Structures are given as structure tokens and as C-alpha cells.
Protein backbone atom coordinates (compact mmCIF):
# COMPACT_ATOMS: atom_id res chain seq x y z
CA MET A 1 31.72 12.22 -1.18
CA ALA A 2 32.75 10.68 2.12
CA ASN A 3 30.00 10.61 4.71
CA SER A 4 27.36 11.59 2.14
CA VAL A 5 24.43 10.41 4.25
CA GLY A 6 25.54 12.61 7.13
CA THR A 7 26.11 15.53 4.78
CA VAL A 8 22.63 15.32 3.29
CA LEU A 9 20.95 14.85 6.67
CA THR A 10 22.59 17.94 8.20
CA GLY A 11 19.77 19.90 6.59
CA LEU A 12 17.02 17.92 8.29
CA ASP A 13 16.78 20.11 11.39
CA ASP A 14 16.05 23.19 9.28
CA LEU A 15 13.56 21.28 7.15
CA ARG A 16 11.65 19.46 9.89
CA ALA A 17 9.00 22.07 10.73
CA GLY A 18 8.12 22.53 7.07
CA VAL A 19 7.77 18.79 6.51
CA GLU A 20 5.54 18.50 9.57
CA ASP A 21 3.30 21.34 8.34
CA PHE A 22 3.16 19.73 4.89
CA TYR A 23 2.17 16.42 6.49
CA LYS A 24 -0.56 17.96 8.66
CA ASP A 25 -2.02 19.74 5.65
CA LEU A 26 -2.10 16.50 3.66
CA HIS A 27 -3.71 14.64 6.55
CA ALA A 28 -6.42 17.27 6.90
CA HIS A 29 -7.16 17.27 3.15
CA PRO A 30 -7.25 13.62 2.00
CA GLU A 31 -8.34 12.69 -1.51
CA LEU A 32 -9.53 9.40 -2.99
CA GLY A 33 -7.79 7.56 -5.81
CA LEU A 34 -7.50 9.44 -9.13
CA ARG A 35 -8.91 12.54 -7.40
CA GLU A 36 -5.66 13.62 -5.74
CA HIS A 37 -5.62 16.98 -7.55
CA ARG A 38 -4.87 19.18 -4.53
CA THR A 39 -2.24 16.78 -3.23
CA ALA A 40 -0.57 16.53 -6.63
CA GLY A 41 -0.53 20.29 -6.95
CA LYS A 42 1.16 20.75 -3.60
CA VAL A 43 3.73 18.07 -4.42
CA ALA A 44 4.49 19.58 -7.83
CA GLY A 45 4.89 23.04 -6.30
CA ALA A 46 7.28 21.77 -3.62
CA LEU A 47 9.41 19.95 -6.21
CA ARG A 48 9.60 22.93 -8.57
CA GLU A 49 10.56 25.20 -5.71
CA CYS A 50 13.74 23.22 -5.12
CA GLY A 51 14.72 22.81 -8.75
CA TYR A 52 13.20 19.55 -9.99
CA GLU A 53 11.95 19.11 -13.52
CA VAL A 54 8.29 18.26 -12.91
CA THR A 55 5.67 16.48 -14.99
CA GLU A 56 2.07 16.41 -13.75
CA GLY A 57 -1.13 14.61 -14.71
CA ILE A 58 0.43 11.22 -15.43
CA GLY A 59 -2.28 8.59 -15.21
CA THR A 60 -4.71 11.38 -14.23
CA THR A 61 -3.00 12.75 -11.09
CA GLY A 62 0.49 11.22 -10.92
CA VAL A 63 3.54 13.45 -10.53
CA ILE A 64 7.23 12.90 -11.24
CA GLY A 65 10.15 15.14 -10.34
CA VAL A 66 13.61 14.64 -11.84
CA LEU A 67 16.87 16.09 -10.52
CA THR A 68 20.24 15.26 -12.10
CA ARG A 69 23.67 15.91 -10.63
CA GLY A 70 26.29 14.75 -13.11
CA ASP A 71 26.81 11.23 -14.40
CA GLY A 72 25.77 8.28 -12.26
CA PRO A 73 22.96 5.83 -11.50
CA THR A 74 19.28 6.70 -11.71
CA VAL A 75 17.31 6.02 -8.54
CA MET A 76 13.50 6.16 -8.54
CA LEU A 77 11.66 6.60 -5.24
CA ARG A 78 7.90 6.16 -5.09
CA ALA A 79 5.19 7.39 -2.71
CA ASP A 80 1.44 6.76 -3.00
CA MET A 81 -0.94 9.70 -2.51
CA ASP A 82 -4.52 8.45 -2.14
CA ALA A 83 -6.71 8.17 0.95
CA LEU A 84 -9.64 5.92 1.93
CA PRO A 85 -13.43 6.26 2.35
CA VAL A 86 -13.16 6.11 6.15
CA ARG A 87 -14.50 8.52 8.80
CA GLU A 88 -11.58 9.64 10.96
CA ASN A 89 -11.73 8.97 14.69
CA THR A 90 -8.26 9.96 15.88
CA GLY A 91 -9.03 13.15 17.82
CA LEU A 92 -6.06 14.89 16.18
CA PRO A 93 -6.25 18.68 15.87
CA TYR A 94 -5.58 18.25 12.14
CA ALA A 95 -8.02 15.35 11.67
CA SER A 96 -9.90 15.11 8.39
CA THR A 97 -13.49 16.29 8.18
CA VAL A 98 -13.57 15.87 4.39
CA THR A 99 -16.52 14.23 2.68
CA VAL A 100 -17.00 13.58 -1.04
CA THR A 101 -19.84 12.46 -3.26
CA ASP A 102 -19.23 9.08 -4.88
CA ARG A 103 -20.38 7.96 -8.32
CA ASP A 104 -23.72 6.88 -6.88
CA GLY A 105 -24.34 10.29 -5.34
CA VAL A 106 -23.67 9.10 -1.78
CA GLU A 107 -21.67 11.27 0.63
CA GLN A 108 -18.57 9.48 1.92
CA PRO A 109 -16.06 10.54 4.57
CA VAL A 110 -12.40 10.51 3.53
CA MET A 111 -9.33 9.88 5.69
CA HIS A 112 -5.63 9.13 5.30
CA ALA A 113 -6.16 5.86 7.16
CA CYS A 114 -3.24 4.03 5.54
CA GLY A 115 -0.39 6.50 6.05
CA HIS A 116 0.05 7.64 2.47
CA ASP A 117 0.33 11.21 3.77
CA VAL A 118 3.43 10.03 5.66
CA HIS A 119 4.87 8.58 2.46
CA VAL A 120 4.28 11.77 0.48
CA ALA A 121 5.65 14.09 3.17
CA CYS A 122 8.78 11.95 3.58
CA LEU A 123 9.49 11.82 -0.14
CA VAL A 124 9.00 15.59 -0.45
CA GLY A 125 11.38 16.09 2.49
CA PHE A 126 13.89 13.74 0.87
CA ALA A 127 13.63 15.60 -2.43
CA GLN A 128 14.29 18.92 -0.69
CA LEU A 129 17.31 17.56 1.16
CA MET A 130 18.82 16.11 -1.99
CA ALA A 131 18.37 19.42 -3.80
CA LYS A 132 20.11 21.29 -0.99
CA SER A 133 23.04 18.83 -0.91
CA ARG A 134 23.92 18.35 -4.57
CA ASP A 135 27.64 18.13 -3.90
CA ALA A 136 27.10 14.99 -1.79
CA TRP A 137 25.90 12.73 -4.61
CA ARG A 138 26.07 11.98 -8.33
CA GLY A 139 23.40 10.64 -10.64
CA THR A 140 19.68 11.19 -11.16
CA VAL A 141 16.86 11.22 -8.61
CA VAL A 142 13.34 10.47 -9.83
CA ALA A 143 10.68 11.22 -7.21
CA LEU A 144 7.44 9.52 -8.28
CA PHE A 145 4.10 10.25 -6.61
CA GLN A 146 1.52 7.63 -7.56
CA PRO A 147 -2.27 7.93 -7.45
CA SER A 148 -4.87 5.31 -6.58
CA GLU A 149 -2.83 2.61 -4.88
CA GLU A 150 -5.83 1.55 -2.80
CA ASN A 151 -7.80 0.71 -5.95
CA GLY A 152 -4.87 -1.13 -7.48
CA ASP A 153 -5.01 0.87 -10.72
CA GLY A 154 -2.74 3.87 -10.11
CA ALA A 155 0.58 2.34 -11.13
CA ARG A 156 -1.00 0.85 -14.25
CA ALA A 157 -2.57 4.22 -15.12
CA MET A 158 0.82 5.94 -15.00
CA ILE A 159 2.42 3.22 -17.12
CA GLU A 160 -0.36 3.31 -19.71
CA ASP A 161 0.06 7.10 -19.88
CA GLY A 162 3.66 6.67 -21.04
CA LEU A 163 5.65 6.77 -17.80
CA THR A 164 8.52 4.67 -19.13
CA SER A 165 9.19 7.20 -21.90
CA MET A 166 9.19 10.20 -19.56
CA VAL A 167 12.20 9.37 -17.37
CA PRO A 168 15.45 7.43 -17.73
CA ARG A 169 15.30 3.74 -16.88
CA PRO A 170 16.04 3.51 -13.15
CA ASP A 171 18.86 1.34 -11.89
CA VAL A 172 16.68 0.63 -8.86
CA VAL A 173 13.19 1.54 -7.61
CA LEU A 174 12.69 2.18 -3.89
CA ALA A 175 9.51 2.47 -1.81
CA GLN A 176 8.39 2.25 1.81
CA HIS A 177 5.23 1.95 3.92
CA VAL A 178 4.40 3.00 7.45
CA LEU A 179 2.99 0.09 9.50
CA PRO A 180 1.77 -0.37 13.10
CA TYR A 181 5.20 -0.94 14.62
CA PRO A 182 7.04 1.40 17.02
CA ALA A 183 8.13 4.69 15.49
CA GLY A 184 11.84 4.55 14.69
CA TYR A 185 11.58 0.90 13.59
CA VAL A 186 12.86 0.16 10.06
CA ALA A 187 12.84 -3.26 8.43
CA THR A 188 13.71 -4.87 5.11
CA ARG A 189 12.87 -8.27 3.70
CA THR A 190 14.38 -10.19 0.80
CA GLY A 191 12.03 -12.01 -1.57
CA SER A 192 8.30 -12.25 -0.85
CA PHE A 193 7.13 -9.37 1.31
CA LEU A 194 3.55 -8.45 0.37
CA SER A 195 0.91 -10.82 -0.96
CA ALA A 196 -0.93 -10.88 -4.25
CA ALA A 197 -4.60 -9.98 -3.82
CA ASP A 198 -7.68 -10.89 -5.85
CA SER A 199 -11.18 -9.56 -5.18
CA LEU A 200 -14.17 -11.37 -6.66
CA ARG A 201 -17.90 -10.81 -6.92
CA ILE A 202 -19.96 -14.00 -7.23
CA THR A 203 -23.65 -14.02 -8.15
CA LEU A 204 -25.69 -17.12 -7.25
CA HIS A 205 -29.03 -17.51 -9.06
CA GLY A 206 -32.16 -18.99 -7.51
CA ARG A 207 -35.90 -18.80 -7.99
CA GLY A 208 -37.85 -16.36 -5.87
CA ALA A 209 -41.04 -17.17 -3.95
CA HIS A 210 -43.09 -16.28 -0.88
CA GLY A 211 -41.31 -17.00 2.39
CA SER A 212 -44.17 -19.29 3.39
CA SER A 213 -43.73 -21.46 0.29
CA PRO A 214 -40.08 -22.50 0.14
CA GLN A 215 -41.01 -25.55 -1.90
CA ALA A 216 -41.75 -23.19 -4.81
CA ALA A 217 -38.31 -21.58 -4.59
CA VAL A 218 -34.67 -22.29 -5.19
CA ASP A 219 -33.23 -20.41 -2.26
CA PRO A 220 -29.98 -18.54 -3.13
CA VAL A 221 -29.53 -17.48 0.52
CA VAL A 222 -29.03 -21.10 1.54
CA MET A 223 -26.63 -21.64 -1.35
CA ALA A 224 -24.67 -18.54 -0.37
CA ALA A 225 -24.49 -19.64 3.26
CA MET A 226 -23.22 -23.08 2.26
CA CYS A 227 -20.62 -21.46 -0.01
CA VAL A 228 -19.32 -19.28 2.80
CA VAL A 229 -18.85 -22.30 5.06
CA ARG A 230 -17.38 -24.52 2.38
CA LEU A 231 -14.97 -21.83 1.14
CA GLN A 232 -13.31 -21.82 4.55
CA THR A 233 -11.94 -25.26 3.76
CA VAL A 234 -9.94 -24.07 0.74
CA ILE A 235 -7.15 -22.77 2.97
CA SER A 236 -7.55 -25.19 5.86
CA ARG A 237 -7.96 -28.40 3.87
CA GLU A 238 -6.51 -27.89 0.38
CA LEU A 239 -3.23 -26.12 1.23
CA ALA A 240 -0.36 -27.30 3.39
CA ALA A 241 -0.26 -25.75 6.83
CA THR A 242 3.05 -24.11 5.93
CA THR A 243 1.61 -22.39 2.83
CA PRO A 244 0.50 -18.84 3.67
CA ALA A 245 -2.82 -17.74 2.16
CA VAL A 246 -6.00 -15.94 3.22
CA LEU A 247 -9.57 -16.21 1.92
CA THR A 248 -12.15 -13.80 3.32
CA VAL A 249 -15.82 -13.46 2.37
CA GLY A 250 -16.41 -9.83 3.19
CA SER A 251 -19.93 -9.27 1.91
CA ILE A 252 -23.20 -11.19 1.44
CA GLN A 253 -26.11 -9.37 -0.16
CA SER A 254 -29.50 -10.91 -0.84
CA GLY A 255 -33.18 -10.22 -0.42
CA THR A 256 -35.29 -7.25 0.63
CA GLY A 257 -37.56 -8.56 3.36
CA PRO A 258 -38.11 -11.39 5.87
CA ASN A 259 -40.97 -13.11 4.02
CA VAL A 260 -39.55 -13.01 0.48
CA ILE A 261 -37.17 -15.62 -0.89
CA PRO A 262 -35.03 -13.70 -3.40
CA ASP A 263 -33.87 -14.85 -6.80
CA ARG A 264 -30.18 -14.12 -6.31
CA ALA A 265 -27.42 -13.70 -3.74
CA VAL A 266 -24.13 -11.88 -4.20
CA LEU A 267 -20.90 -12.73 -2.41
CA GLN A 268 -17.80 -10.57 -2.43
CA LEU A 269 -14.53 -12.12 -1.35
CA ASN A 270 -10.83 -11.45 -1.18
CA VAL A 271 -7.89 -13.84 -1.63
CA ARG A 272 -4.26 -13.27 -0.56
CA THR A 273 -1.48 -15.52 -1.83
CA TYR A 274 2.30 -15.35 -2.34
CA ASP A 275 2.95 -18.04 -4.93
CA PRO A 276 1.46 -17.93 -8.48
CA ALA A 277 0.70 -21.66 -8.41
CA VAL A 278 -1.13 -21.32 -5.08
CA ARG A 279 -3.07 -18.34 -6.41
CA LYS A 280 -4.18 -20.36 -9.44
CA GLN A 281 -5.17 -23.30 -7.23
CA VAL A 282 -7.19 -21.20 -4.77
CA LEU A 283 -9.07 -19.30 -7.48
CA ALA A 284 -9.90 -22.58 -9.23
CA SER A 285 -11.12 -24.11 -5.95
CA ILE A 286 -13.43 -21.15 -5.34
CA LYS A 287 -15.11 -21.65 -8.71
CA ARG A 288 -15.34 -25.43 -8.21
CA ILE A 289 -16.99 -25.10 -4.80
CA VAL A 290 -19.46 -22.39 -5.81
CA ARG A 291 -20.51 -24.25 -8.94
CA ALA A 292 -20.95 -27.45 -6.95
CA GLU A 293 -23.14 -25.74 -4.36
CA ALA A 294 -25.22 -24.15 -7.11
CA ALA A 295 -25.67 -27.54 -8.76
CA GLY A 296 -26.51 -29.13 -5.42
CA GLY A 297 -29.15 -26.48 -4.80
CA ASP A 298 -30.67 -27.00 -8.27
CA ALA A 299 -29.89 -23.42 -9.35
CA PRO A 300 -31.67 -22.47 -12.58
CA LYS A 301 -28.45 -21.09 -14.06
CA GLU A 302 -24.69 -21.18 -13.51
CA PRO A 303 -23.18 -18.75 -11.00
CA GLU A 304 -21.40 -15.69 -12.38
CA PHE A 305 -17.85 -14.70 -11.41
CA GLU A 306 -16.54 -11.15 -11.75
CA HIS A 307 -12.89 -10.30 -11.03
CA LEU A 308 -13.06 -6.88 -9.33
CA SER A 309 -9.37 -6.19 -8.79
CA SER A 310 -5.98 -7.84 -8.73
CA PHE A 311 -2.74 -6.81 -7.03
CA PRO A 312 0.59 -8.43 -7.90
CA PRO A 313 2.80 -9.91 -5.18
CA THR A 314 5.64 -7.71 -3.94
CA ILE A 315 8.82 -9.76 -4.25
CA ASN A 316 11.93 -7.78 -3.34
CA ASP A 317 15.10 -8.16 -5.38
CA GLN A 318 17.80 -9.80 -3.27
CA ASP A 319 20.75 -7.65 -4.33
CA ALA A 320 18.81 -4.39 -4.01
CA THR A 321 17.43 -5.41 -0.63
CA ASP A 322 20.82 -6.48 0.67
CA THR A 323 22.25 -3.12 -0.40
CA VAL A 324 19.51 -1.20 1.41
CA ALA A 325 19.78 -3.41 4.49
CA ARG A 326 23.51 -2.58 4.75
CA ALA A 327 22.75 1.12 4.36
CA PHE A 328 20.11 0.94 7.09
CA ALA A 329 22.45 -0.93 9.43
CA ALA A 330 25.01 1.85 8.98
CA CYS A 331 22.41 4.57 9.53
CA PHE A 332 20.13 3.07 12.19
CA GLY A 333 22.24 0.45 13.95
CA ASP A 334 20.17 -2.02 15.98
CA ASP A 335 16.90 -0.34 14.92
CA ALA A 336 17.34 -1.82 11.43
CA ARG A 337 15.66 -5.23 11.37
CA THR A 338 14.19 -7.94 9.16
CA ALA A 339 10.50 -7.48 8.37
CA GLU A 340 7.85 -10.14 8.77
CA LEU A 341 5.87 -11.45 5.80
CA GLN A 342 2.84 -9.17 5.31
CA THR A 343 -0.63 -10.08 4.03
CA ALA A 344 -1.24 -6.56 2.74
CA SER A 345 -0.93 -5.90 -1.01
CA GLU A 346 0.46 -3.19 -3.29
CA ASP A 347 0.52 -2.30 -6.98
CA MET A 348 3.89 -0.52 -6.72
CA SER A 349 5.82 -3.44 -8.26
CA GLU A 350 4.13 -2.83 -11.62
CA ILE A 351 6.29 0.28 -12.04
CA PRO A 352 9.73 -1.38 -11.78
CA HIS A 353 8.43 -4.32 -13.82
CA ALA A 354 7.47 -1.87 -16.60
CA PHE A 355 11.04 -0.53 -16.62
CA GLY A 356 12.64 -3.95 -16.20
CA ALA A 357 14.33 -2.62 -13.07
CA PRO A 358 15.07 -4.25 -9.69
CA PHE A 359 13.23 -2.91 -6.65
CA THR A 360 12.98 -3.16 -2.91
CA TYR A 361 10.16 -2.13 -0.60
CA TRP A 362 10.57 -1.76 3.15
CA CYS A 363 8.55 -0.69 6.17
CA ILE A 364 8.88 1.87 8.95
CA GLY A 365 7.02 2.04 12.24
CA GLY A 366 4.56 4.79 13.09
CA ILE A 367 3.20 3.99 16.57
CA ASP A 368 4.22 5.83 19.73
CA SER A 369 6.86 3.55 21.24
CA GLY A 370 5.52 3.95 24.79
CA LEU A 371 2.01 2.96 23.70
CA TYR A 372 3.36 0.01 21.73
CA ASP A 373 5.61 -1.22 24.54
CA ALA A 374 2.74 -1.06 27.04
CA ALA A 375 0.47 -3.05 24.74
CA GLN A 376 3.22 -5.57 24.10
CA LYS A 377 3.75 -6.13 27.83
CA LYS A 378 0.02 -6.69 28.32
CA GLY A 379 -0.24 -8.92 25.25
CA THR A 380 -2.88 -6.63 23.76
CA ILE A 381 -1.19 -5.29 20.62
CA SER A 382 -4.03 -6.46 18.36
CA GLN A 383 -6.60 -4.79 20.63
CA ASP A 384 -4.78 -1.58 21.58
CA ILE A 385 -2.74 -0.65 18.50
CA PRO A 386 -4.78 0.70 15.55
CA VAL A 387 -3.74 -0.79 12.22
CA ASN A 388 -3.77 0.63 8.72
CA HIS A 389 -7.30 1.31 7.40
CA SER A 390 -8.64 1.77 10.94
CA PRO A 391 -10.47 5.07 11.64
CA ALA A 392 -8.11 5.42 14.63
CA PHE A 393 -4.87 4.91 12.65
CA ALA A 394 -2.68 7.95 13.26
CA PRO A 395 1.09 7.62 12.99
CA VAL A 396 2.85 9.71 15.61
CA MET A 397 4.42 12.57 13.68
CA GLN A 398 7.90 12.18 15.16
CA PRO A 399 10.12 10.29 14.90
CA THR A 400 8.06 8.75 12.08
CA LEU A 401 8.67 11.54 9.56
CA ASP A 402 12.35 11.86 10.40
CA THR A 403 12.78 8.10 10.08
CA GLY A 404 11.00 7.98 6.74
CA ILE A 405 13.21 10.73 5.34
CA LYS A 406 16.39 9.11 6.68
CA THR A 407 15.52 5.75 5.14
CA LEU A 408 15.03 7.34 1.73
CA VAL A 409 18.31 9.25 1.99
CA ALA A 410 20.31 6.23 3.18
CA ALA A 411 18.80 3.91 0.57
CA ALA A 412 19.17 6.29 -2.38
CA LEU A 413 22.77 7.18 -1.52
CA ALA A 414 23.68 3.49 -1.52
CA TRP A 415 23.55 3.94 -5.32
CA LEU A 416 24.15 7.67 -5.75
CA ALA A 417 27.18 7.64 -3.43
CA PRO A 418 28.15 3.93 -3.39
CA GLU A 419 31.52 4.45 -1.73
CA GLU A 420 29.61 5.73 1.30
CA THR A 421 28.47 2.20 2.29
CA SER A 422 30.26 1.18 5.47
CA PRO A 423 29.82 -1.54 8.08
CA GLU A 424 30.29 0.94 10.92
CA ALA A 425 27.02 2.27 12.35
CA GLN A 426 26.74 6.00 11.83
CA ASN A 427 23.38 6.49 13.60
CA PHE A 428 22.11 9.65 12.01
């Protein structure tokens, strides 16, 4: 199986146009978490067409495809499928115009604003290449398409639906994400890569009154305002300057008019941490500060805390990451780099944890290199380069898709064709 990566990738030229069409179709037809029925159907059809054993409807809309070629390791590769409630503003000819009705009956626009359509298209392209090149590898490929990553419940839904009994235990789990770096960029990182995330809703109770008679009220708006200010000190004054963490109050809701003091105020906030002890400390500090402000404002009852969602940290296995980094160096040469610590969050790690398997998660770039280089020279990357979740986020189709397929091939074959690993750059 010498030169297995090159052998598998010889089919990429013939496959490219189909992958691009598949990607454009996904981008134009985004679906929110646990509603990815059309996407799942297209994925399942593509996998069956090239010989995979397919199971659908796992955790509502999850899909797995299994392909075995003799004895050998089992490699699981994961892509997330869901989109976001964002109105697209990219100007692309295949831009989304999709709207859906949410649970409250409100029409919402939907867009692939995080690049999950890239992930799905690349994993489908990978699956097709592996099926066409079965003599180049040995073992089992498990292509897993996960729903509802954005809500943080898709991986858990698949696990609770019996995922671990549906496929062999993987020897390694692999995943990637497109980020606002130049297209062609690939990067790995050992250890902590993505943060844990906790979202909270806090209700502060007051006593309502006429706006002209504040002495008759306990004003929850003032309490909420003081909480917002005081909460900023959790990171700046309670953690060491070298300890990475983020605390953002993203929403304040209170009152209905200018001359009415309401009886409650609601804060929604998000916390990002990398260390379990720091996470515990920050969450405890939030409760301490809010309760103190409520007591200081003479609130008639204790504040209420509701945990809306929680994402685990993504901590890459060292051996698995080192193996992938060597494979990328051989395939991409100097374009293979070390990734920076990211404050984004993922639920992907719940899947390998459920199997008791090691995993590694890497990133690829998706921004036109000329646009990125120009912004870098001007020092305006944060202003000129749209990031994930922006209505203007639109990965350039190539070389992003080719790169995403090549990374999956190179990484998977580090296990499925281990003798292929070589220090010499092959630059496919």
C-alpha cells in the first residue's frame, strides 16, 4: 500500500465538480438543528451509492455510513450538519433564502453561517474517494454525520439513541472545522483546543411601581445593570492574567415602557473556560455576585439561575494529534501548522468519550488568500474578514473543499495505511 494517500487522491479531479455541486446545494438549503432531514437524506443517498452500509435517523437526523476493507483499525470521521438562524448576506449565486417557523410561530431566516456545509461536503467526498480506492487501505471507515452541533445536543442525542452499539469501537475519532484563515491553511493542536461553554439565564426579582415613584419599588433594572458591571470583574480580577476565559452578558430584558418600573429583569450570559477548576470557580463567582447585588438591592426573593446549555472542552489526544500532524506535514508541507487556542466550543468530543476512544480535531482555512493577505497587510483582519456565524461568512469554494478532503484522507490513512507515514513531503 505504498503511497496510499496519493493513490486515493488520484480520484479527486474526477470527483471535484460533484463535490462542489453537492456543497452548493447544501449551502442553498440549510436546516436548523434536529431538522436536517433533507441534508441527511442527501448524505445517506450519496453513501449508499458508493457502497456504504448506512443507518439513518440516529438521534433524530444523524447518519452513519460504514465501509470495511479487510482486517485493520476502525477510523471514525465526523461532520456536523446543522445551520444557524441567520439571514445570509454573502451575495453568492447559491445563497440561502430559506426561512422557517420556530416553536413560537416566528419566521426565521436560516443560513450555513458556520461552514457545516463545507464539513459535510468534504466528508462525503472523502467517503467517495475511499470507496473508489479500496485496494489502497485496510480496516473500517465510519463516516458520521451529526445533527444539532450549534445547540450542543446533537452528539448526546446520537449517543442516547444507541450509537455505540451500532458501529465498532473506533481506534480514533477525527473531525475538522473551517475557520477564517486563508484557504489551503491546515493546523493541528495538541491538548486544549476549543473551550468549554456554559450559557445561563438569570432572573432578578424586584417590586414594580410607577416610574414617578421609585421609592415604592425595588428596581430590578438597576440590579441588572450593577450585575453586568460587576460580572466583568470575574475574569479581570479573580483569574490570573495568564488564565484564558471569557464572560459575556449577551442579553438584558426588562420592562415594557419608560414610566413603569418592572418587577423582574432577565440576564443571559455565556462563559468560556478551558480548565474544569476555572469553570467551577467562574460559575460560582457569577452566583455569588448576582446574589450579593440582589441582597444589596433589597430584592423580595432570591435570583433564579437556569443553565441553558453546556459544551465540553475539546482536548485533543497527544498521540492521535501527533500522528495527524505528521501526516499533514507529509501531505501539505509548510502549509501544515500549529493552531491557536480557540474560544469557540463543540460537542463533538462527547462521541469519542462515549466510545472511550482517542480523538483529534483540527482546522482548515476558508478565506480567499488574496483577501486575507490584503487585510493582514492593512492590519484590518478583524474588520475585513467575516468570521463564523457572520451573515457574510462564505468560505471560498476552492481550495477549501479540496483541502478538507485531503486532510480527511491523509489523517484516516495514518491508521488505515500506517506504513504510508513518511517524513518526506508529498504535497498532494
